[in-house]
C-alpha atoms as a PDB file:
ATOM      1  CA  MET A   1     -99.810-161.835 153.299  1.00  0.00           C
ATOM      2  CA  SER A   2     -97.836-159.351 151.271  1.00  0.00           C
ATOM      3  CA  ARG A   3     -99.321-156.048 150.223  1.00  0.00           C
ATOM      4  CA  VAL A   4     -99.343-154.984 146.580  1.00  0.00           C
ATOM      5  CA  PRO A   5     -97.395-151.697 146.262  1.00  0.00           C
ATOM      6  CA  THR A   6     -99.666-148.729 145.581  1.00  0.00           C
ATOM      7  CA  LEU A   7     -97.029-146.526 143.953  1.00  0.00           C
ATOM      8  CA  ASN A   8     -95.533-149.166 141.613  1.00  0.00           C
ATOM      9  CA  SER A   9     -95.451-147.108 138.383  1.00  0.00           C
ATOM     10  CA  PRO A  10     -91.968-146.904 136.788  1.00  0.00           C
ATOM     11  CA  PHE A  11     -92.509-143.108 136.501  1.00  0.00           C
ATOM     12  CA  LEU A  12     -92.780-142.725 140.319  1.00  0.00           C
ATOM     13  CA  LEU A  13     -89.138-142.772 141.444  1.00  0.00           C
ATOM     14  CA  GLY A  14     -88.205-142.403 145.101  1.00  0.00           C
ATOM     15  CA  PHE A  15     -91.732-142.573 146.483  1.00  0.00           C
ATOM     16  CA  ASP A  16     -91.088-145.636 148.656  1.00  0.00           C
ATOM     17  CA  GLU A  17     -90.993-143.369 151.764  1.00  0.00           C
ATOM     18  CA  ILE A  18     -94.521-142.126 150.934  1.00  0.00           C
ATOM     19  CA  GLU A  19     -95.706-145.730 150.668  1.00  0.00           C
ATOM     20  CA  ARG A  20     -94.265-146.550 154.093  1.00  0.00           C
ATOM     21  CA  ALA A  21     -95.963-143.459 155.527  1.00  0.00           C
ATOM     22  CA  LEU A  22     -99.301-144.622 154.076  1.00  0.00           C
ATOM     23  CA  ASP A  23     -98.826-147.970 155.805  1.00  0.00           C
ATOM     24  CA  ARG A  24     -98.114-146.251 159.148  1.00  0.00           C
ATOM     25  CA  VAL A  25    -101.191-144.065 158.801  1.00  0.00           C
ATOM     26  CA  ALA A  26    -103.387-147.074 157.964  1.00  0.00           C
ATOM     27  CA  LYS A  27    -102.261-148.903 161.098  1.00  0.00           C
ATOM     28  CA  ALA A  28    -102.738-145.865 163.352  1.00  0.00           C
ATOM     29  CA  ALA A  29    -106.272-145.116 162.018  1.00  0.00           C
ATOM     30  CA  ASN A  30    -107.799-148.076 163.879  1.00  0.00           C
ATOM     31  CA  ASP A  31    -107.636-146.504 167.338  1.00  0.00           C
ATOM     32  CA  GLY A  32    -110.563-144.132 167.930  1.00  0.00           C
ATOM     33  CA  TYR A  33    -109.421-142.641 171.205  1.00  0.00           C
ATOM     34  CA  PRO A  34    -109.376-139.778 171.766  1.00  0.00           C
ATOM     35  CA  PRO A  35    -111.780-138.485 169.155  1.00  0.00           C
ATOM     36  CA  TYR A  36    -110.606-135.517 167.101  1.00  0.00           C
ATOM     37  CA  ASN A  37    -111.572-132.982 164.417  1.00  0.00           C
ATOM     38  CA  ILE A  38    -109.460-131.463 161.689  1.00  0.00           C
ATOM     39  CA  GLU A  39    -110.603-128.141 160.270  1.00  0.00           C
ATOM     40  CA  ARG A  40    -109.425-125.450 157.900  1.00  0.00           C
ATOM     41  CA  VAL A  41    -109.155-122.185 159.779  1.00  0.00           C
ATOM     42  CA  GLY A  42    -109.697-118.834 158.090  1.00  0.00           C
ATOM     43  CA  SER A  43    -109.909-118.273 154.343  1.00  0.00           C
ATOM     44  CA  CYS A  44    -108.707-121.107 152.132  1.00  0.00           C
ATOM     45  CA  ASP A  45    -108.174-118.902 149.110  1.00  0.00           C
ATOM     46  CA  ARG A  46    -105.300-116.952 150.706  1.00  0.00           C
ATOM     47  CA  PRO A  47    -102.027-118.700 151.379  1.00  0.00           C
ATOM     48  CA  PRO A  48    -100.695-119.884 153.739  1.00  0.00           C
ATOM     49  CA  GLU A  49    -103.252-122.538 154.593  1.00  0.00           C
ATOM     50  CA  ARG A  50    -104.027-122.906 158.309  1.00  0.00           C
ATOM     51  CA  LEU A  51    -105.386-126.104 159.846  1.00  0.00           C
ATOM     52  CA  ARG A  52    -106.517-126.900 163.382  1.00  0.00           C
ATOM     53  CA  ILE A  53    -106.579-130.351 164.988  1.00  0.00           C
ATOM     54  CA  THR A  54    -108.856-130.531 168.057  1.00  0.00           C
ATOM     55  CA  LEU A  55    -108.808-133.538 170.417  1.00  0.00           C
ATOM     56  CA  ALA A  56    -111.363-134.264 173.129  1.00  0.00           C
ATOM     57  CA  VAL A  57    -109.181-134.761 176.204  1.00  0.00           C
ATOM     58  CA  ALA A  58    -111.632-134.268 179.025  1.00  0.00           C
ATOM     59  CA  GLY A  59    -110.121-135.122 182.364  1.00  0.00           C
ATOM     60  CA  PHE A  60    -106.516-134.442 181.263  1.00  0.00           C
ATOM     61  CA  SER A  61    -104.634-131.538 182.804  1.00  0.00           C
ATOM     62  CA  ARG A  62    -101.975-129.553 180.915  1.00  0.00           C
ATOM     63  CA  GLU A  63     -99.234-131.419 182.781  1.00  0.00           C
ATOM     64  CA  GLU A  64    -100.608-134.803 181.619  1.00  0.00           C
ATOM     65  CA  LEU A  65    -100.478-133.848 177.897  1.00  0.00           C
ATOM     66  CA  ASP A  66     -97.459-133.633 175.614  1.00  0.00           C
ATOM     67  CA  VAL A  67     -97.394-132.255 172.071  1.00  0.00           C
ATOM     68  CA  SER A  68     -94.204-132.768 169.987  1.00  0.00           C
ATOM     69  CA  VAL A  69     -93.014-133.035 166.400  1.00  0.00           C
ATOM     70  CA  GLU A  70     -90.820-136.074 165.677  1.00  0.00           C
ATOM     71  CA  GLU A  71     -89.557-136.784 162.149  1.00  0.00           C
ATOM     72  CA  ASN A  72     -92.470-135.085 160.271  1.00  0.00           C
ATOM     73  CA  GLN A  73     -94.990-136.488 162.694  1.00  0.00           C
ATOM     74  CA  LEU A  74     -97.168-134.543 165.129  1.00  0.00           C
ATOM     75  CA  VAL A  75     -97.307-136.721 168.236  1.00  0.00           C
ATOM     76  CA  ILE A  76     -99.826-135.979 170.984  1.00  0.00           C
ATOM     77  CA  ARG A  77     -99.631-138.070 174.132  1.00  0.00           C
ATOM     78  CA  GLY A  78    -101.799-138.167 177.245  1.00  0.00           C
ATOM     79  CA  ARG A  79    -100.743-139.860 180.481  1.00  0.00           C
ATOM     80  CA  GLN A  80    -103.047-139.996 183.480  1.00  0.00           C
ATOM     81  CA  VAL A  81    -101.985-141.483 186.781  1.00  0.00           C
ATOM     82  CA  ASP A  82    -104.627-143.511 188.660  1.00  0.00           C
ATOM     83  CA  ASP A  83    -105.462-141.896 192.029  1.00  0.00           C
ATOM     84  CA  LYS A  84    -105.153-144.815 194.502  1.00  0.00           C
ATOM     85  CA  SER A  85    -106.719-142.715 197.348  1.00  0.00           C
ATOM     86  CA  ARG A  86    -110.178-142.729 195.676  1.00  0.00           C
ATOM     87  CA  VAL A  87    -112.709-145.534 196.268  1.00  0.00           C
ATOM     88  CA  TYR A  88    -115.057-145.837 193.342  1.00  0.00           C
ATOM     89  CA  LEU A  89    -118.588-147.299 193.623  1.00  0.00           C
ATOM     90  CA  HIS A  90    -118.782-147.179 189.813  1.00  0.00           C
ATOM     91  CA  ARG A  91    -115.843-146.504 187.478  1.00  0.00           C
ATOM     92  CA  GLY A  92    -117.042-145.371 184.072  1.00  0.00           C
ATOM     93  CA  ILE A  93    -114.189-142.930 183.400  1.00  0.00           C
ATOM     94  CA  ALA A  94    -110.907-144.812 183.271  1.00  0.00           C
ATOM     95  CA  ALA A  95    -107.496-143.191 183.788  1.00  0.00           C
ATOM     96  CA  ARG A  96    -106.212-143.943 180.361  1.00  0.00           C
ATOM     97  CA  GLN A  97    -103.117-143.199 178.273  1.00  0.00           C
ATOM     98  CA  PHE A  98    -103.124-142.431 174.620  1.00  0.00           C
ATOM     99  CA  GLN A  99    -100.851-141.500 171.750  1.00  0.00           C
ATOM    100  CA  ARG A 100    -102.299-139.937 168.601  1.00  0.00           C
ATOM    101  CA  THR A 101     -99.963-139.415 165.589  1.00  0.00           C
ATOM    102  CA  PHE A 102    -100.511-137.255 162.526  1.00  0.00           C
ATOM    103  CA  LEU A 103     -98.131-137.446 159.603  1.00  0.00           C
ATOM    104  CA  LEU A 104     -97.127-133.949 158.405  1.00  0.00           C
ATOM    105  CA  ALA A 105     -96.241-133.056 154.834  1.00  0.00           C
ATOM    106  CA  ASP A 106     -92.938-131.392 154.227  1.00  0.00           C
ATOM    107  CA  GLY A 107     -93.116-127.709 155.120  1.00  0.00           C
ATOM    108  CA  MET A 108     -96.003-128.069 157.605  1.00  0.00           C
ATOM    109  CA  GLU A 109     -95.345-126.157 160.836  1.00  0.00           C
ATOM    110  CA  VAL A 110     -96.968-126.397 164.217  1.00  0.00           C
ATOM    111  CA  MET A 111     -97.872-122.884 165.365  1.00  0.00           C
ATOM    112  CA  GLY A 112     -98.997-123.749 168.901  1.00  0.00           C
ATOM    113  CA  ALA A 113    -101.357-125.633 171.129  1.00  0.00           C
ATOM    114  CA  ASP A 114    -104.191-124.544 173.434  1.00  0.00           C
ATOM    115  CA  LEU A 115    -106.198-126.477 176.105  1.00  0.00           C
ATOM    116  CA  LYS A 116    -109.680-125.086 176.865  1.00  0.00           C
ATOM    117  CA  ASN A 117    -112.772-126.777 178.272  1.00  0.00           C
ATOM    118  CA  GLY A 118    -111.391-130.300 177.788  1.00  0.00           C
ATOM    119  CA  LEU A 119    -110.424-129.636 174.132  1.00  0.00           C
ATOM    120  CA  LEU A 120    -106.817-129.533 173.028  1.00  0.00           C
ATOM    121  CA  SER A 121    -106.363-127.540 169.846  1.00  0.00           C
ATOM    122  CA  VAL A 122    -103.151-127.699 167.790  1.00  0.00           C
ATOM    123  CA  ASP A 123    -102.778-125.091 165.027  1.00  0.00           C
ATOM    124  CA  LEU A 124    -100.716-125.826 161.921  1.00  0.00           C
ATOM    125  CA  ILE A 125     -99.707-123.797 158.957  1.00  0.00           C
ATOM    126  CA  ARG A 126     -98.763-124.898 155.459  1.00  0.00           C
ATOM    127  CA  PRO A 127     -96.666-122.234 153.791  1.00  0.00           C
ATOM    128  CA  GLU A 128     -96.843-121.924 150.029  1.00  0.00           C
ATOM    129  CA  PRO A 129     -94.044-124.086 148.615  1.00  0.00           C
ATOM    130  CA  GLU A 130     -91.310-122.417 146.675  1.00  0.00           C
ATOM    131  CA  ARG A 131     -91.417-123.344 142.967  1.00  0.00           C
ATOM    132  CA  VAL A 132     -87.996-124.486 141.782  1.00  0.00           C
ATOM    133  CA  ALA A 133     -86.946-125.142 138.198  1.00  0.00           C
ATOM    134  CA  LYS A 134     -83.411-126.273 137.479  1.00  0.00           C
ATOM    135  CA  ARG A 135     -81.712-126.792 134.148  1.00  0.00           C
ATOM    136  CA  ILE A 136     -79.495-129.866 133.911  1.00  0.00           C
ATOM    137  CA  ASP A 137     -76.481-129.671 131.571  1.00  0.00           C
ATOM    138  CA  ILE A 138     -75.954-132.683 129.348  1.00  0.00           C
ATOM    139  CA  ALA A 139     -72.361-133.966 129.210  1.00  0.00           C
ATOM    140  CA  VAL A 140     -71.070-135.403 125.949  1.00  0.00           C
ATOM    141  CA  ARG A 141     -68.844-138.466 126.346  1.00  0.00           C
ATOM    142  CA  ASP A 142     -67.043-140.208 123.519  1.00  0.00           C
END
């Protein structure tokens, strides 16, 4: 089944990369683990805008978590190793791996990450974009 392009207007030139990004985001949205919040931090009327992503990563240590930026994507990975020395009578908390990806707009910067009480918080900043206007000379050809 082929998908109908969303950005198919003849006035939208060069937006095919955005369309591919929307496809990636739609595929990644199906996994609900680990749960997360995204919040605006501080005043929203003063630039630059600050955002915080908080993931519930109870049971993960700092060494088992990895936060990186790869090609305009914030990638958060968690890897737990199953402890073979333990004998469980009931196993309700599985040693589980995850990868959660957030697509970042151009200019978004990751300020840092913090792990406290089983919550991993990643702070982002969106600087005010520079407004650019450019005059294009018209060449006359005969």
